[in-house]
């Protein structure tokens, strides 16, 4: 069964009594990723997507963002929040309606 197909309750039953390190390893393997690759500093899209899947699964199990960060290679909790989609960026760019510095008038 894949990570996406399991409910939160199924995860809780499956990982009950598992240590943090082993749980991250198990979730990584279940998602089809090498646990050490997800803990590495690599920023290839496939590793980022694997981290996102594991981070969301751990968050659904009630883990805090700092705890997830420690489990995924000592990453900052804000990085994990970004992976989980908590931080949303506005697609709208701000454009000033007036110039920052007014043009000098020539006399």
C-alpha atoms as a PDB file:
ATOM      1  CA  UNK A   1       0.000   0.000   0.000  1.00  0.00           C
ATOM      2  CA  UNK A   2       1.330   3.433  -0.891  1.00  0.00           C
ATOM      3  CA  UNK A   3       1.674   6.404   1.443  1.00  0.00           C
ATOM      4  CA  UNK A   4      -1.071   8.334  -0.331  1.00  0.00           C
ATOM      5  CA  UNK A   5      -3.530   5.446  -0.077  1.00  0.00           C
ATOM      6  CA  UNK A   6      -3.199   5.037   3.698  1.00  0.00           C
ATOM      7  CA  UNK A   7      -5.385   6.912   6.148  1.00  0.00           C
ATOM      8  CA  UNK A   8      -3.975   8.662   9.199  1.00  0.00           C
ATOM      9  CA  UNK A   9      -5.416   5.936  11.434  1.00  0.00           C
ATOM     10  CA  UNK A  10      -3.712   3.205   9.379  1.00  0.00           C
ATOM     11  CA  UNK A  11      -0.402   5.076   9.733  1.00  0.00           C
ATOM     12  CA  UNK A  12      -0.817   5.394  13.486  1.00  0.00           C
ATOM     13  CA  UNK A  13      -1.495   1.671  13.831  1.00  0.00           C
ATOM     14  CA  UNK A  14       1.417   0.765  11.581  1.00  0.00           C
ATOM     15  CA  UNK A  15       4.036   2.952  13.250  1.00  0.00           C
ATOM     16  CA  UNK A  16       2.986   2.566  16.872  1.00  0.00           C
ATOM     17  CA  UNK A  17       6.064   2.082  19.067  1.00  0.00           C
ATOM     18  CA  UNK A  18       8.512   2.954  16.293  1.00  0.00           C
ATOM     19  CA  UNK A  19      11.373   5.339  17.154  1.00  0.00           C
ATOM     20  CA  UNK A  20      11.693   8.660  15.319  1.00  0.00           C
ATOM     21  CA  UNK A  21      14.671   7.647  13.175  1.00  0.00           C
ATOM     22  CA  UNK A  22      13.118   4.324  12.218  1.00  0.00           C
ATOM     23  CA  UNK A  23       9.764   5.938  11.512  1.00  0.00           C
ATOM     24  CA  UNK A  24      11.297   8.394   9.057  1.00  0.00           C
ATOM     25  CA  UNK A  25      13.147   5.500   7.407  1.00  0.00           C
ATOM     26  CA  UNK A  26       9.949   3.463   7.148  1.00  0.00           C
ATOM     27  CA  UNK A  27       7.904   6.338   5.715  1.00  0.00           C
ATOM     28  CA  UNK A  28      10.661   7.149   3.213  1.00  0.00           C
ATOM     29  CA  UNK A  29      10.842   3.566   1.985  1.00  0.00           C
ATOM     30  CA  UNK A  30       7.046   3.277   1.809  1.00  0.00           C
ATOM     31  CA  UNK A  31       6.999   6.409  -0.350  1.00  0.00           C
ATOM     32  CA  UNK A  32       9.645   4.859  -2.622  1.00  0.00           C
ATOM     33  CA  UNK A  33      12.658   6.965  -1.560  1.00  0.00           C
ATOM     34  CA  UNK A  34      16.022   6.230  -0.017  1.00  0.00           C
ATOM     35  CA  UNK A  35      15.930   7.627   3.554  1.00  0.00           C
ATOM     36  CA  UNK A  36      19.547   8.812   3.417  1.00  0.00           C
ATOM     37  CA  UNK A  37      18.883  10.664   0.166  1.00  0.00           C
ATOM     38  CA  UNK A  38      15.974  12.522   1.794  1.00  0.00           C
ATOM     39  CA  UNK A  39      18.189  13.492   4.725  1.00  0.00           C
ATOM     40  CA  UNK A  40      20.944  14.723   2.409  1.00  0.00           C
ATOM     41  CA  UNK A  41      21.405  18.312   1.245  1.00  0.00           C
ATOM     42  CA  UNK A  42      20.431  17.434  -2.342  1.00  0.00           C
ATOM     43  CA  UNK A  43      17.826  19.757  -3.798  1.00  0.00           C
ATOM     44  CA  UNK A  44      16.767  17.764  -6.859  1.00  0.00           C
ATOM     45  CA  UNK A  45      13.024  17.830  -7.448  1.00  0.00           C
ATOM     46  CA  UNK A  46      12.576  14.110  -6.712  1.00  0.00           C
ATOM     47  CA  UNK A  47      14.185  14.455  -3.263  1.00  0.00           C
ATOM     48  CA  UNK A  48      12.210  17.595  -2.434  1.00  0.00           C
ATOM     49  CA  UNK A  49       8.990  15.817  -3.395  1.00  0.00           C
ATOM     50  CA  UNK A  50       9.969  12.829  -1.227  1.00  0.00           C
ATOM     51  CA  UNK A  51      10.627  15.123   1.725  1.00  0.00           C
ATOM     52  CA  UNK A  52       7.259  16.784   1.155  1.00  0.00           C
ATOM     53  CA  UNK A  53       5.433  13.435   1.240  1.00  0.00           C
ATOM     54  CA  UNK A  54       7.215  12.313   4.400  1.00  0.00           C
ATOM     55  CA  UNK A  55       6.807  15.715   6.119  1.00  0.00           C
ATOM     56  CA  UNK A  56       3.068  15.774   5.435  1.00  0.00           C
ATOM     57  CA  UNK A  57       2.680  12.203   6.714  1.00  0.00           C
ATOM     58  CA  UNK A  58       4.587  13.032   9.901  1.00  0.00           C
ATOM     59  CA  UNK A  59       2.557  16.208  10.384  1.00  0.00           C
ATOM     60  CA  UNK A  60      -0.650  14.166  10.047  1.00  0.00           C
ATOM     61  CA  UNK A  61       0.690  11.957  12.840  1.00  0.00           C
ATOM     62  CA  UNK A  62       0.979  15.014  15.079  1.00  0.00           C
ATOM     63  CA  UNK A  63       4.697  15.764  14.849  1.00  0.00           C
ATOM     64  CA  UNK A  64       5.833  19.363  15.329  1.00  0.00           C
ATOM     65  CA  UNK A  65       7.691  21.190  12.551  1.00  0.00           C
ATOM     66  CA  UNK A  66      11.007  21.244  14.492  1.00  0.00           C
ATOM     67  CA  UNK A  67      10.727  17.500  15.176  1.00  0.00           C
ATOM     68  CA  UNK A  68      10.081  16.781  11.491  1.00  0.00           C
ATOM     69  CA  UNK A  69      13.060  18.981  10.598  1.00  0.00           C
ATOM     70  CA  UNK A  70      15.330  16.983  12.904  1.00  0.00           C
ATOM     71  CA  UNK A  71      14.073  13.742  11.361  1.00  0.00           C
ATOM     72  CA  UNK A  72      14.747  14.957   7.832  1.00  0.00           C
ATOM     73  CA  UNK A  73      18.392  15.880   8.240  1.00  0.00           C
ATOM     74  CA  UNK A  74      18.324  18.728  10.767  1.00  0.00           C
ATOM     75  CA  UNK A  75      16.342  21.107   8.603  1.00  0.00           C
ATOM     76  CA  UNK A  76      14.932  24.359   9.944  1.00  0.00           C
ATOM     77  CA  UNK A  77      11.271  24.246  10.983  1.00  0.00           C
ATOM     78  CA  UNK A  78      10.441  27.016   8.492  1.00  0.00           C
ATOM     79  CA  UNK A  79      11.758  24.804   5.689  1.00  0.00           C
ATOM     80  CA  UNK A  80       9.369  22.080   6.838  1.00  0.00           C
ATOM     81  CA  UNK A  81       6.483  24.546   7.034  1.00  0.00           C
ATOM     82  CA  UNK A  82       7.244  25.509   3.445  1.00  0.00           C
ATOM     83  CA  UNK A  83       7.274  21.838   2.404  1.00  0.00           C
ATOM     84  CA  UNK A  84       3.918  21.249   4.075  1.00  0.00           C
ATOM     85  CA  UNK A  85       2.402  24.214   2.276  1.00  0.00           C
ATOM     86  CA  UNK A  86       1.801  26.348   5.352  1.00  0.00           C
ATOM     87  CA  UNK A  87       3.653  29.305   3.955  1.00  0.00           C
ATOM     88  CA  UNK A  88       1.817  30.688   0.969  1.00  0.00           C
ATOM     89  CA  UNK A  89       3.362  33.228  -1.297  1.00  0.00           C
ATOM     90  CA  UNK A  90       1.229  35.779  -3.003  1.00  0.00           C
ATOM     91  CA  UNK A  91       1.399  35.475  -6.753  1.00  0.00           C
ATOM     92  CA  UNK A  92       0.624  39.151  -7.025  1.00  0.00           C
ATOM     93  CA  UNK A  93       3.664  41.409  -7.227  1.00  0.00           C
ATOM     94  CA  UNK A  94       3.588  44.737  -5.570  1.00  0.00           C
ATOM     95  CA  UNK A  95       4.204  47.667  -7.860  1.00  0.00           C
ATOM     96  CA  UNK A  96       4.554  51.099  -6.333  1.00  0.00           C
ATOM     97  CA  UNK A  97       2.057  53.620  -7.636  1.00  0.00           C
ATOM     98  CA  UNK A  98       4.490  56.447  -7.021  1.00  0.00           C
ATOM     99  CA  UNK A  99       8.238  56.478  -7.496  1.00  0.00           C
ATOM    100  CA  UNK A 100      10.324  55.849  -4.409  1.00  0.00           C
ATOM    101  CA  UNK A 101      12.358  58.979  -5.003  1.00  0.00           C
ATOM    102  CA  UNK A 102      10.637  61.856  -6.788  1.00  0.00           C
ATOM    103  CA  UNK A 103      12.465  63.167  -9.839  1.00  0.00           C
ATOM    104  CA  UNK A 104      14.341  66.391  -9.225  1.00  0.00           C
ATOM    105  CA  UNK A 105      12.928  69.408 -10.952  1.00  0.00           C
ATOM    106  CA  UNK A 106      15.302  71.318 -13.159  1.00  0.00           C
ATOM    107  CA  UNK A 107      15.413  75.077 -12.612  1.00  0.00           C
END
